[in-house]
Amino acid sequence: MKILDKDSYLKLNKWKRFVYKFKYFFLITIPRVFFKIEKLDAISYLKLNIWKRIGYKIKFFYLIKIPTFFKNLGKKIWKGIKGFGLGIAHFFKNLVVTFIEGDIWTKLSYFFMGIGSFARGQILRGILFATMELVFIFYMIFTGGYYLGKFNSLGLIQPLDADENVVVGADNSFKIMLYGALTLFFIAAFIYTWYLNIKQNRINEQLKKDEKAIADTKDDLRAVVDQQFHRTLLALPTLGIIVFTLLPIFFMILVAFTNYDANHNGVSNALFGWVGFDNFRTLFSWSAGGKNYAATFGEILVWTLIWAFFATFTNYFLGLVVAMLINKKGIKLKKVWRTVLVMSIAVPQFISLLYVKNMFAYDGIMNDIIQFFGGNRIHFLDDQASALTVRITVILINIWIGIPYLMLVTTGILMNIPADLYESASIDGANVFQQYTKITLPYMLFITGPYLLTSFTGNMNNFNVIFLLTGGAPHPQELEAGQTDLLVTWLFQLTMKDNSYSLGAVLGIIVFIVVALISLIVYNILPSTKNEEAFQ
């Protein structure tokens, strides 16, 4: 927020003064009065002791960095909305102007795609545009129009009649939604191709007016394998992303607004239909059908964030320590130690986790050892264990799984730290801990910042460790999920066990929003994503 002087403030009208006071109160006055946070220069910061520096960094992050991020994000969103609106207006303006000022072939291209290209000797482009139009027309007549017509209701003829007899020719809600979504994508692709057809005619018409050469079929073929070869290579991957990534995501979003579940599967028992935001209200309701989804969601979200934090940073710092110990001068058989640790990566994680689960079972080898030394058997990973015990156990097991990989990653980075830095620090009297905190750790965090972010988001969706070790256990009756369930494992339970696909889709959207929000905030704060030379 820009602070105005008295003259600039008096030039504002009444409403702008009110907005300025409102923003000043919440963005400047409250932080200064209650938190006393002011941005320090480098000299003032260096005068603080270590604890005050930590406190300043925490306050600076939460009171300046995060508000600034959301402020900039709001500006970007508004700029994007404004740009989108202007783009739409410019799009329609160009269409009208091109139709009015264009020649006969350009005008005909509005109705018969490719005819302008044929007239100007661009046979290949004409064939492609005309084929696209013919395919679109036939698809909409024989398939797309039918499913798009029923897309609003997702079907009217139930699969079973009143006597639960199978109805011949019944609708299929699942197929209607799938083909309806596919049709919407096809319509968008057709509109884009149709616009390219108009745009190409406008460009060629202008070239003709300027008495310049128009590319013919040979030029187009040459461009496909030469100047535009990058687009040729990207065409198939782009199509794959649209069909196998964007379309399923769009379909999942649509499912979130239906009552698609075990009682309404849309195929064999009953059709499902649109229910608006009812599923979102159910997920965030404290009492929906006798189930407390809101409390379950809140507890699982908190545990998911705690799990992701510890699973990321325990592996990171312990893997770094192991790598430093192995790389230390005087350590013998370094290759042997690295090989032993890497062997745990070579074994499939599926097998390792099931083996460890049996080790920590109530009748497993760990309890045998505890009993041998006079202790009592402990429930580590089953429903009889306490939530705290199970959570600590899975975090410790995850450390055993993750350290070898982090050891390999950090080993290569440690070797790139200039030895002169450590020699200079030793001459200046810095001990091992000071060298670690002032040289090794800052360098590692700078280089591996993006990796930590991806690791954190990956651990939020770490299905294997939780599902294979505990299955979500323990399972208290007052919650709709286990106390070690993550959002992703709860989603699996809702869809595969409870067949509540609509709620699972809602939860999938929430997981995406949480992960995307965290990723955006942290990514925009990381120094390594802004200036690669900052550490030098």
Protein backbone atom coordinates (compact mmCIF):
# COMPACT_ATOMS: atom_id res chain seq x y z
CA MET A 1 0.00 0.00 0.00
CA LYS A 2 1.37 3.42 -0.99
CA ILE A 3 1.28 5.93 1.88
CA LEU A 4 0.08 9.35 0.71
CA ASP A 5 1.25 12.72 1.94
CA LYS A 6 -1.21 15.36 3.14
CA ASP A 7 -1.53 17.16 -0.20
CA SER A 8 -2.12 13.93 -2.13
CA TYR A 9 -4.71 12.84 0.42
CA LEU A 10 -6.64 16.11 0.19
CA LYS A 11 -6.85 15.76 -3.59
CA LEU A 12 -8.88 12.56 -3.22
CA ASN A 13 -12.65 12.65 -3.34
CA LYS A 14 -14.81 11.50 -0.44
CA TRP A 15 -15.08 7.87 -1.50
CA LYS A 16 -11.37 7.48 -2.29
CA ARG A 17 -10.53 8.97 1.13
CA PHE A 18 -12.81 6.42 2.76
CA VAL A 19 -11.16 3.53 0.88
CA TYR A 20 -7.69 4.86 1.70
CA LYS A 21 -8.54 5.11 5.44
CA PHE A 22 -9.99 1.60 5.40
CA LYS A 23 -6.91 0.12 3.76
CA TYR A 24 -4.53 2.14 5.95
CA PHE A 25 -6.28 0.94 9.12
CA PHE A 26 -6.18 -2.76 8.27
CA LEU A 27 -2.85 -2.87 6.43
CA ILE A 28 -0.79 -0.34 8.40
CA THR A 29 -2.36 0.64 11.73
CA ILE A 30 -3.35 -2.82 13.02
CA PRO A 31 -0.01 -4.51 12.16
CA ARG A 32 1.94 -1.63 13.74
CA VAL A 33 -0.18 -1.43 16.91
CA PHE A 34 -0.68 -5.10 17.64
CA PHE A 35 2.38 -6.67 16.07
CA LYS A 36 4.81 -3.74 15.84
CA ILE A 37 6.28 -4.96 12.57
CA GLU A 38 8.30 -2.57 10.45
CA LYS A 39 10.60 -3.45 7.60
CA LEU A 40 14.20 -3.24 8.80
CA ASP A 41 17.21 -2.34 6.74
CA ALA A 42 20.22 -4.68 6.59
CA ILE A 43 22.16 -2.90 9.38
CA SER A 44 19.21 -2.87 11.80
CA TYR A 45 18.54 -6.54 11.09
CA LEU A 46 22.16 -7.56 11.76
CA LYS A 47 22.03 -5.83 15.15
CA LEU A 48 19.30 -8.23 16.33
CA ASN A 49 20.19 -11.41 18.20
CA ILE A 50 19.31 -14.80 16.74
CA TRP A 51 15.93 -15.11 18.49
CA LYS A 52 14.80 -11.62 17.49
CA ARG A 53 15.86 -12.40 13.93
CA ILE A 54 13.71 -15.53 13.92
CA GLY A 55 10.76 -13.60 15.37
CA TYR A 56 11.23 -10.84 12.82
CA LYS A 57 11.32 -13.35 9.94
CA ILE A 58 8.13 -15.04 11.18
CA LYS A 59 6.31 -11.73 11.56
CA PHE A 60 7.64 -10.47 8.23
CA PHE A 61 6.46 -13.64 6.50
CA TYR A 62 2.92 -13.65 7.93
CA LEU A 63 2.28 -9.91 8.10
CA ILE A 64 4.06 -8.64 4.99
CA LYS A 65 4.90 -11.47 2.62
CA ILE A 66 1.52 -13.25 2.71
CA PRO A 67 -0.64 -10.06 2.55
CA THR A 68 1.56 -8.76 -0.26
CA PHE A 69 1.17 -12.06 -2.10
CA PHE A 70 -2.63 -11.98 -1.87
CA LYS A 71 -2.66 -8.31 -2.85
CA ASN A 72 -0.57 -9.04 -5.94
CA LEU A 73 -2.65 -12.14 -6.64
CA GLY A 74 -5.82 -10.05 -6.53
CA LYS A 75 -4.29 -7.58 -8.96
CA LYS A 76 -3.26 -10.39 -11.29
CA ILE A 77 -6.74 -11.95 -11.15
CA TRP A 78 -8.39 -8.61 -11.87
CA LYS A 79 -5.91 -7.94 -14.66
CA GLY A 80 -6.64 -11.39 -16.09
CA ILE A 81 -10.41 -10.86 -15.92
CA LYS A 82 -10.06 -7.44 -17.49
CA GLY A 83 -7.76 -8.79 -20.18
CA PHE A 84 -10.14 -11.66 -20.88
CA GLY A 85 -13.06 -9.27 -21.27
CA LEU A 86 -11.07 -7.00 -23.57
CA GLY A 87 -9.93 -10.05 -25.54
CA ILE A 88 -13.53 -11.21 -26.05
CA ALA A 89 -14.56 -7.72 -27.16
CA HIS A 90 -11.58 -7.52 -29.52
CA PHE A 91 -12.42 -10.99 -30.86
CA PHE A 92 -15.98 -10.04 -31.85
CA LYS A 93 -14.87 -6.66 -33.17
CA ASN A 94 -12.33 -8.32 -35.48
CA LEU A 95 -14.97 -10.77 -36.72
CA VAL A 96 -17.39 -7.97 -37.60
CA VAL A 97 -14.76 -5.75 -39.19
CA THR A 98 -13.27 -8.65 -41.18
CA PHE A 99 -16.69 -9.66 -42.49
CA ILE A 100 -17.57 -6.11 -43.52
CA GLU A 101 -14.23 -5.26 -45.12
CA GLY A 102 -13.37 -8.70 -46.47
CA ASP A 103 -13.75 -9.89 -50.04
CA ILE A 104 -16.23 -12.52 -51.22
CA TRP A 105 -13.97 -15.45 -50.33
CA THR A 106 -13.41 -14.15 -46.81
CA LYS A 107 -17.17 -13.70 -46.36
CA LEU A 108 -17.89 -17.20 -47.64
CA SER A 109 -15.27 -18.62 -45.24
CA TYR A 110 -17.55 -17.64 -42.37
CA PHE A 111 -20.00 -20.29 -43.56
CA PHE A 112 -17.84 -22.72 -45.57
CA MET A 113 -14.50 -23.27 -43.86
CA GLY A 114 -11.58 -23.66 -46.23
CA ILE A 115 -13.20 -22.13 -49.31
CA GLY A 116 -11.00 -19.03 -49.06
CA SER A 117 -7.90 -21.20 -48.77
CA PHE A 118 -8.90 -23.18 -51.88
CA ALA A 119 -9.48 -19.96 -53.80
CA ARG A 120 -6.02 -18.65 -52.89
CA GLY A 121 -4.18 -21.85 -53.79
CA GLN A 122 -3.71 -23.18 -50.23
CA ILE A 123 -5.07 -26.65 -50.94
CA LEU A 124 -3.74 -28.34 -47.79
CA ARG A 125 -5.19 -25.71 -45.48
CA GLY A 126 -8.48 -25.82 -47.34
CA ILE A 127 -8.71 -29.60 -46.96
CA LEU A 128 -7.96 -29.41 -43.23
CA PHE A 129 -10.48 -26.64 -42.55
CA ALA A 130 -13.19 -28.26 -44.68
CA THR A 131 -12.59 -31.67 -43.06
CA MET A 132 -12.89 -30.13 -39.60
CA GLU A 133 -16.23 -28.55 -40.49
CA LEU A 134 -17.63 -31.72 -42.05
CA VAL A 135 -16.53 -33.88 -39.10
CA PHE A 136 -18.06 -31.38 -36.67
CA ILE A 137 -21.38 -31.29 -38.53
CA PHE A 138 -21.66 -35.09 -38.76
CA TYR A 139 -20.64 -35.51 -35.13
CA MET A 140 -23.19 -32.98 -33.88
CA ILE A 141 -25.97 -34.50 -36.01
CA PHE A 142 -25.40 -38.15 -35.16
CA THR A 143 -23.82 -38.05 -31.67
CA GLY A 144 -22.98 -34.72 -30.08
CA GLY A 145 -26.39 -33.07 -30.50
CA TYR A 146 -28.14 -36.04 -28.85
CA TYR A 147 -25.97 -36.07 -25.75
CA LEU A 148 -25.79 -32.28 -25.52
CA GLY A 149 -29.59 -32.14 -25.63
CA LYS A 150 -29.77 -34.42 -22.59
CA PHE A 151 -26.84 -32.80 -20.81
CA ASN A 152 -29.14 -30.46 -18.89
CA SER A 153 -31.04 -33.32 -17.22
CA LEU A 154 -28.49 -36.19 -17.54
CA GLY A 155 -31.30 -38.44 -18.66
CA LEU A 156 -35.04 -38.89 -18.06
CA ILE A 157 -35.74 -42.60 -18.69
CA GLN A 158 -34.78 -44.57 -15.57
CA PRO A 159 -32.94 -47.93 -15.96
CA LEU A 160 -35.50 -49.65 -13.69
CA ASP A 161 -39.27 -49.27 -13.63
CA ALA A 162 -41.52 -49.26 -10.54
CA ASP A 163 -41.28 -53.07 -10.29
CA GLU A 164 -37.48 -52.94 -10.63
CA ASN A 165 -37.54 -54.44 -14.11
CA VAL A 166 -34.85 -53.43 -16.58
CA VAL A 167 -36.12 -50.79 -19.02
CA VAL A 168 -35.05 -51.22 -22.64
CA GLY A 169 -33.63 -48.02 -24.14
CA ALA A 170 -33.09 -46.35 -20.75
CA ASP A 171 -30.79 -43.38 -20.45
CA ASN A 172 -27.23 -43.62 -19.14
CA SER A 173 -26.30 -40.61 -17.02
CA PHE A 174 -22.62 -41.48 -17.00
CA LYS A 175 -22.41 -41.71 -20.78
CA ILE A 176 -24.49 -38.54 -21.23
CA MET A 177 -22.14 -36.59 -18.96
CA LEU A 178 -19.01 -38.03 -20.57
CA TYR A 179 -20.09 -37.42 -24.16
CA GLY A 180 -21.61 -34.09 -23.21
CA ALA A 181 -18.28 -32.93 -21.75
CA LEU A 182 -16.46 -34.27 -24.82
CA THR A 183 -18.90 -32.39 -27.06
CA LEU A 184 -18.26 -29.13 -25.20
CA PHE A 185 -14.52 -29.59 -25.75
CA PHE A 186 -15.14 -30.39 -29.43
CA ILE A 187 -17.28 -27.25 -29.82
CA ALA A 188 -14.49 -25.15 -28.27
CA ALA A 189 -11.95 -26.76 -30.64
CA PHE A 190 -14.24 -26.10 -33.63
CA ILE A 191 -14.72 -22.43 -32.69
CA TYR A 192 -10.95 -22.01 -32.38
CA THR A 193 -10.39 -23.68 -35.77
CA TRP A 194 -13.14 -21.59 -37.34
CA TYR A 195 -11.46 -18.44 -36.00
CA LEU A 196 -8.11 -19.57 -37.43
CA ASN A 197 -9.84 -20.04 -40.76
CA ILE A 198 -11.12 -16.44 -40.67
CA LYS A 199 -7.78 -15.12 -39.45
CA GLN A 200 -5.86 -16.87 -42.24
CA ASN A 201 -8.20 -15.40 -44.86
CA ARG A 202 -7.74 -11.93 -43.43
CA ILE A 203 -3.93 -12.29 -43.46
CA ASN A 204 -3.90 -13.64 -47.02
CA GLU A 205 -6.22 -10.89 -48.21
CA GLN A 206 -3.90 -8.27 -46.72
CA LEU A 207 -0.88 -9.93 -48.36
CA LYS A 208 -2.65 -9.82 -51.70
CA LYS A 209 -3.41 -6.11 -51.26
CA ASP A 210 0.25 -5.47 -50.45
CA GLU A 211 1.23 -7.50 -53.54
CA LYS A 212 3.17 -10.01 -51.47
CA ALA A 213 3.42 -13.76 -52.09
CA ILE A 214 0.90 -16.03 -50.38
CA ALA A 215 2.20 -19.33 -49.03
CA ASP A 216 1.10 -22.30 -51.15
CA THR A 217 0.82 -25.99 -50.26
CA LYS A 218 4.56 -26.61 -50.73
CA ASP A 219 5.36 -23.73 -48.39
CA ASP A 220 2.94 -25.14 -45.80
CA LEU A 221 4.52 -28.59 -45.98
CA ARG A 222 7.99 -27.08 -45.74
CA ALA A 223 6.93 -25.06 -42.69
CA VAL A 224 5.53 -28.15 -40.97
CA VAL A 225 8.93 -29.83 -41.05
CA ASP A 226 11.07 -26.71 -40.73
CA GLN A 227 9.97 -23.33 -39.32
CA GLN A 228 6.91 -24.72 -37.49
CA PHE A 229 8.41 -28.10 -36.64
CA HIS A 230 8.16 -27.37 -32.91
CA ARG A 231 4.39 -27.07 -33.28
CA THR A 232 4.30 -30.31 -35.22
CA LEU A 233 6.10 -32.10 -32.41
CA LEU A 234 3.87 -30.54 -29.75
CA ALA A 235 0.60 -31.31 -31.53
CA LEU A 236 0.28 -34.91 -30.34
CA PRO A 237 1.38 -34.26 -26.70
CA THR A 238 -1.02 -31.30 -26.54
CA LEU A 239 -3.87 -33.47 -27.77
CA GLY A 240 -2.92 -36.10 -25.18
CA ILE A 241 -2.96 -33.51 -22.38
CA ILE A 242 -6.40 -32.31 -23.45
CA VAL A 243 -7.91 -35.81 -23.74
CA PHE A 244 -6.21 -37.55 -20.80
CA THR A 245 -5.72 -34.64 -18.37
CA LEU A 246 -8.01 -31.66 -18.96
CA LEU A 247 -11.07 -33.69 -19.93
CA PRO A 248 -10.92 -35.98 -16.83
CA ILE A 249 -10.42 -32.93 -14.57
CA PHE A 250 -13.39 -31.20 -16.18
CA PHE A 251 -15.42 -34.39 -15.79
CA MET A 252 -14.48 -34.62 -12.10
CA ILE A 253 -15.61 -31.03 -11.56
CA LEU A 254 -18.94 -31.85 -13.19
CA VAL A 255 -19.39 -34.93 -10.97
CA ALA A 256 -19.02 -32.69 -7.90
CA PHE A 257 -22.30 -31.01 -8.83
CA THR A 258 -24.32 -34.26 -9.16
CA ASN A 259 -25.69 -36.91 -6.79
CA TYR A 260 -23.56 -39.66 -8.35
CA ASP A 261 -23.21 -42.41 -5.71
CA ALA A 262 -23.97 -46.08 -5.08
CA ASN A 263 -27.74 -45.45 -5.16
CA HIS A 264 -27.54 -43.31 -8.30
CA ASN A 265 -24.88 -44.79 -10.53
CA GLY A 266 -26.68 -43.66 -13.69
CA VAL A 267 -26.48 -47.09 -15.35
CA SER A 268 -28.07 -50.01 -13.51
CA ASN A 269 -30.15 -48.70 -10.59
CA ALA A 270 -31.07 -45.01 -10.97
CA LEU A 271 -30.05 -41.97 -12.96
CA PHE A 272 -28.10 -39.21 -11.28
CA GLY A 273 -28.68 -35.52 -11.90
CA TRP A 274 -27.48 -32.05 -11.07
CA VAL A 275 -27.76 -30.95 -7.43
CA GLY A 276 -25.86 -27.67 -7.54
CA PHE A 277 -23.70 -26.93 -4.50
CA ASP A 278 -25.42 -29.49 -2.23
CA ASN A 279 -22.31 -31.69 -2.06
CA PHE A 280 -20.15 -28.74 -1.01
CA ARG A 281 -22.66 -27.89 1.72
CA THR A 282 -22.65 -31.53 2.82
CA LEU A 283 -18.87 -31.68 3.09
CA PHE A 284 -18.74 -28.53 5.20
CA SER A 285 -21.83 -29.35 7.26
CA TRP A 286 -21.62 -30.35 10.92
CA SER A 287 -24.60 -32.67 10.53
CA ALA A 288 -25.44 -34.11 7.12
CA GLY A 289 -27.42 -37.34 7.18
CA GLY A 290 -26.11 -38.13 10.65
CA LYS A 291 -22.50 -37.75 9.51
CA ASN A 292 -20.17 -35.03 10.71
CA TYR A 293 -18.24 -34.34 7.53
CA ALA A 294 -17.02 -30.89 8.56
CA ALA A 295 -15.25 -32.15 11.69
CA THR A 296 -13.76 -35.04 9.73
CA PHE A 297 -12.52 -32.75 6.99
CA GLY A 298 -11.00 -30.30 9.49
CA GLU A 299 -9.12 -32.97 11.42
CA ILE A 300 -7.86 -34.72 8.29
CA LEU A 301 -6.73 -31.42 6.76
CA VAL A 302 -4.73 -30.52 9.88
CA TRP A 303 -3.14 -33.98 10.03
CA THR A 304 -2.37 -33.86 6.29
CA LEU A 305 -0.47 -30.58 6.72
CA ILE A 306 1.36 -31.89 9.81
CA TRP A 307 2.27 -35.10 8.00
CA ALA A 308 3.49 -33.24 4.91
CA PHE A 309 5.65 -30.92 7.05
CA PHE A 310 7.37 -33.66 9.04
CA ALA A 311 7.60 -36.09 6.12
CA THR A 312 9.33 -33.41 4.07
CA PHE A 313 11.70 -31.74 6.49
CA THR A 314 12.73 -34.76 8.60
CA ASN A 315 13.80 -36.57 5.45
CA TYR A 316 15.48 -33.47 4.09
CA PHE A 317 17.59 -32.54 7.11
CA LEU A 318 18.43 -36.10 8.14
CA GLY A 319 19.29 -37.00 4.54
CA LEU A 320 21.55 -33.93 4.44
CA VAL A 321 23.24 -34.96 7.68
CA VAL A 322 23.84 -38.50 6.40
CA ALA A 323 25.30 -37.13 3.15
CA MET A 324 27.61 -34.81 5.09
CA LEU A 325 28.78 -37.64 7.33
CA ILE A 326 29.54 -39.90 4.38
CA ASN A 327 31.34 -37.11 2.50
CA LYS A 328 33.39 -36.11 5.53
CA LYS A 329 37.13 -36.52 5.16
CA GLY A 330 38.46 -39.59 6.92
CA ILE A 331 35.33 -41.71 6.41
CA LYS A 332 36.30 -45.00 4.80
CA LEU A 333 34.25 -47.21 2.48
CA LYS A 334 32.10 -44.33 1.27
CA LYS A 335 30.88 -46.26 -1.76
CA VAL A 336 29.82 -49.14 0.48
CA TRP A 337 27.75 -46.87 2.74
CA ARG A 338 26.07 -45.25 -0.25
CA THR A 339 25.35 -48.65 -1.82
CA VAL A 340 23.76 -49.95 1.38
CA LEU A 341 21.46 -46.93 1.56
CA VAL A 342 20.58 -47.03 -2.13
CA MET A 343 19.53 -50.68 -1.85
CA SER A 344 16.40 -49.58 0.01
CA ILE A 345 15.46 -47.47 -3.02
CA ALA A 346 16.01 -50.38 -5.42
CA VAL A 347 13.45 -52.52 -3.57
CA PRO A 348 9.86 -51.61 -4.63
CA GLN A 349 8.24 -49.42 -2.00
CA PHE A 350 5.13 -51.59 -2.08
CA ILE A 351 7.11 -54.58 -0.80
CA SER A 352 9.11 -52.55 1.71
CA LEU A 353 6.03 -50.99 3.31
CA LEU A 354 4.18 -54.31 3.63
CA TYR A 355 7.29 -55.86 5.16
CA VAL A 356 7.66 -53.02 7.66
CA LYS A 357 3.96 -53.22 8.47
CA ASN A 358 4.42 -56.86 9.48
CA MET A 359 7.52 -55.95 11.49
CA PHE A 360 5.50 -53.43 13.56
CA ALA A 361 2.42 -55.64 13.89
CA TYR A 362 1.25 -56.62 17.37
CA ASP A 363 2.74 -60.08 16.87
CA GLY A 364 5.64 -58.80 14.76
CA ILE A 365 9.39 -58.84 15.31
CA MET A 366 9.53 -55.39 16.93
CA ASN A 367 7.12 -56.45 19.66
CA ASP A 368 9.05 -59.71 20.06
CA ILE A 369 12.19 -57.68 20.75
CA ILE A 370 10.34 -55.41 23.19
CA GLN A 371 8.91 -58.43 25.02
CA PHE A 372 12.36 -60.11 25.09
CA PHE A 373 13.73 -57.17 27.03
CA GLY A 374 10.84 -57.28 29.51
CA GLY A 375 8.48 -54.74 27.95
CA ASN A 376 4.84 -55.07 27.00
CA ARG A 377 3.67 -55.45 23.45
CA ILE A 378 2.61 -52.19 21.78
CA HIS A 379 -0.08 -51.55 19.19
CA PHE A 380 1.86 -49.54 16.62
CA LEU A 381 -0.28 -49.49 13.48
CA ASP A 382 -3.69 -51.07 14.15
CA ASP A 383 -7.07 -49.86 15.41
CA GLN A 384 -6.17 -50.58 19.05
CA ALA A 385 -3.30 -48.07 18.95
CA SER A 386 -3.62 -44.44 19.95
CA ALA A 387 -3.66 -41.83 17.20
CA LEU A 388 -0.43 -40.26 18.48
CA THR A 389 1.41 -43.60 18.46
CA VAL A 390 0.36 -44.45 14.92
CA ARG A 391 1.19 -41.01 13.59
CA ILE A 392 4.65 -40.97 15.14
CA THR A 393 5.28 -44.49 13.84
CA VAL A 394 4.39 -43.67 10.23
CA ILE A 395 6.57 -40.53 10.34
CA LEU A 396 9.53 -42.56 11.62
CA ILE A 397 9.00 -45.26 8.99
CA ASN A 398 8.79 -42.60 6.30
CA ILE A 399 12.17 -41.28 7.47
CA TRP A 400 13.67 -44.72 6.87
CA ILE A 401 12.16 -44.72 3.38
CA GLY A 402 13.11 -41.17 2.41
CA ILE A 403 16.62 -40.65 3.79
CA PRO A 404 18.46 -42.68 1.07
CA TYR A 405 16.92 -40.68 -1.76
CA LEU A 406 17.64 -37.34 -0.07
CA MET A 407 21.17 -38.55 0.65
CA LEU A 408 21.75 -39.02 -3.08
CA VAL A 409 20.21 -35.67 -3.99
CA THR A 410 22.16 -33.67 -1.43
CA THR A 411 25.45 -35.50 -2.06
CA GLY A 412 25.73 -34.05 -5.55
CA ILE A 413 24.91 -30.54 -4.32
CA LEU A 414 27.36 -30.71 -1.41
CA MET A 415 30.17 -31.53 -3.81
CA ASN A 416 29.49 -28.28 -5.68
CA ILE A 417 29.92 -26.01 -2.66
CA PRO A 418 33.30 -24.25 -3.09
CA ALA A 419 35.86 -25.54 -0.59
CA ASP A 420 37.28 -22.00 -0.33
CA LEU A 421 34.21 -20.94 1.64
CA TYR A 422 34.91 -23.50 4.37
CA GLU A 423 38.63 -22.68 4.42
CA SER A 424 37.91 -18.97 4.80
CA ALA A 425 35.38 -19.67 7.55
CA SER A 426 37.90 -21.85 9.42
CA ILE A 427 40.52 -19.11 9.22
CA ASP A 428 38.00 -16.64 10.63
CA GLY A 429 37.42 -18.99 13.58
CA ALA A 430 34.01 -20.42 12.63
CA ASN A 431 33.26 -23.80 14.19
CA VAL A 432 31.52 -26.72 12.44
CA PHE A 433 28.04 -25.65 13.50
CA GLN A 434 28.59 -22.08 12.31
CA GLN A 435 29.89 -23.33 8.96
CA TYR A 436 26.80 -25.51 8.63
CA THR A 437 24.33 -22.70 9.45
CA LYS A 438 26.11 -19.96 7.47
CA ILE A 439 27.39 -21.86 4.41
CA THR A 440 26.01 -25.37 3.94
CA LEU A 441 22.36 -24.88 4.95
CA PRO A 442 21.76 -21.55 3.11
CA TYR A 443 23.35 -22.97 -0.05
CA MET A 444 21.30 -26.16 0.15
CA LEU A 445 18.03 -24.34 0.83
CA PHE A 446 18.67 -21.96 -2.05
CA ILE A 447 19.36 -24.77 -4.53
CA THR A 448 16.73 -27.23 -3.31
CA GLY A 449 13.93 -24.73 -2.57
CA PRO A 450 11.76 -25.81 -5.53
CA TYR A 451 12.41 -29.47 -4.66
CA LEU A 452 11.19 -28.90 -1.09
CA LEU A 453 8.01 -27.35 -2.46
CA THR A 454 7.30 -30.27 -4.79
CA SER A 455 8.20 -32.73 -2.02
CA PHE A 456 5.78 -31.03 0.38
CA THR A 457 2.90 -31.10 -2.10
CA GLY A 458 3.81 -34.67 -3.03
CA ASN A 459 3.67 -35.75 0.61
CA MET A 460 0.23 -34.19 0.94
CA ASN A 461 -0.86 -36.72 -1.69
CA ASN A 462 1.37 -39.57 -0.47
CA PHE A 463 -1.12 -42.39 -0.80
CA ASN A 464 1.24 -45.39 -0.53
CA VAL A 465 2.76 -44.89 2.92
CA ILE A 466 -0.51 -44.27 4.77
CA PHE A 467 -2.66 -46.77 2.89
CA LEU A 468 -0.18 -49.65 2.98
CA LEU A 469 0.96 -49.12 6.57
CA THR A 470 -2.23 -48.24 8.44
CA GLY A 471 -5.14 -48.11 6.03
CA GLY A 472 -6.12 -44.98 7.97
CA ALA A 473 -6.13 -46.71 11.37
CA PRO A 474 -7.18 -46.11 14.07
CA HIS A 475 -10.84 -45.71 13.07
CA PRO A 476 -12.90 -44.03 15.84
CA GLN A 477 -16.66 -44.21 15.47
CA GLU A 478 -17.16 -40.46 15.83
CA LEU A 479 -15.22 -39.76 12.63
CA GLU A 480 -16.01 -40.80 9.07
CA ALA A 481 -12.36 -41.63 8.39
CA GLY A 482 -9.29 -42.98 10.14
CA GLN A 483 -7.10 -40.70 12.24
CA THR A 484 -4.09 -41.28 9.98
CA ASP A 485 -6.06 -40.82 6.76
CA LEU A 486 -4.82 -38.05 4.51
CA LEU A 487 -7.17 -36.13 2.26
CA VAL A 488 -6.17 -38.37 -0.64
CA THR A 489 -6.79 -41.62 1.27
CA TRP A 490 -10.12 -40.29 2.53
CA LEU A 491 -10.99 -39.50 -1.08
CA PHE A 492 -10.16 -43.10 -1.96
CA GLN A 493 -12.42 -44.34 0.82
CA LEU A 494 -15.32 -42.14 -0.27
CA THR A 495 -15.10 -43.27 -3.88
CA MET A 496 -13.97 -46.92 -3.73
CA LYS A 497 -15.51 -48.08 -0.45
CA ASP A 498 -18.51 -45.84 0.12
CA ASN A 499 -19.14 -45.26 -3.62
CA SER A 500 -19.83 -41.59 -2.89
CA TYR A 501 -18.32 -40.34 -6.13
CA SER A 502 -19.85 -36.88 -5.90
CA LEU A 503 -18.38 -36.19 -2.46
CA GLY A 504 -15.09 -37.68 -3.64
CA ALA A 505 -15.09 -35.22 -6.55
CA VAL A 506 -15.74 -32.32 -4.17
CA LEU A 507 -12.88 -33.47 -1.96
CA GLY A 508 -10.65 -33.75 -5.03
CA ILE A 509 -11.41 -30.12 -5.88
CA ILE A 510 -10.64 -29.04 -2.30
CA VAL A 511 -7.33 -30.94 -2.35
CA PHE A 512 -6.41 -29.22 -5.60
CA ILE A 513 -7.25 -25.79 -4.16
CA VAL A 514 -5.23 -26.40 -0.96
CA VAL A 515 -2.20 -27.74 -2.83
CA ALA A 516 -2.35 -25.01 -5.48
CA LEU A 517 -2.68 -22.25 -2.87
CA ILE A 518 0.28 -23.49 -0.85
CA SER A 519 2.36 -23.96 -3.99
CA LEU A 520 1.59 -20.47 -5.29
CA ILE A 521 2.41 -18.77 -1.99
CA VAL A 522 5.66 -20.64 -1.36
CA TYR A 523 6.81 -20.53 -4.99
CA ASN A 524 6.45 -16.75 -5.11
CA ILE A 525 8.44 -16.41 -1.86
CA LEU A 526 11.34 -18.71 -2.77
CA PRO A 527 14.43 -16.67 -3.64
CA SER A 528 15.79 -19.40 -5.91
CA THR A 529 12.88 -18.90 -8.33
CA LYS A 530 13.55 -15.18 -8.71
CA ASN A 531 17.31 -14.67 -8.96
CA GLU A 532 19.61 -17.59 -9.65
CA GLU A 533 22.70 -15.45 -9.00
CA ALA A 534 21.55 -14.19 -5.59
CA PHE A 535 23.62 -16.68 -3.63
CA GLN A 536 26.83 -15.99 -5.44
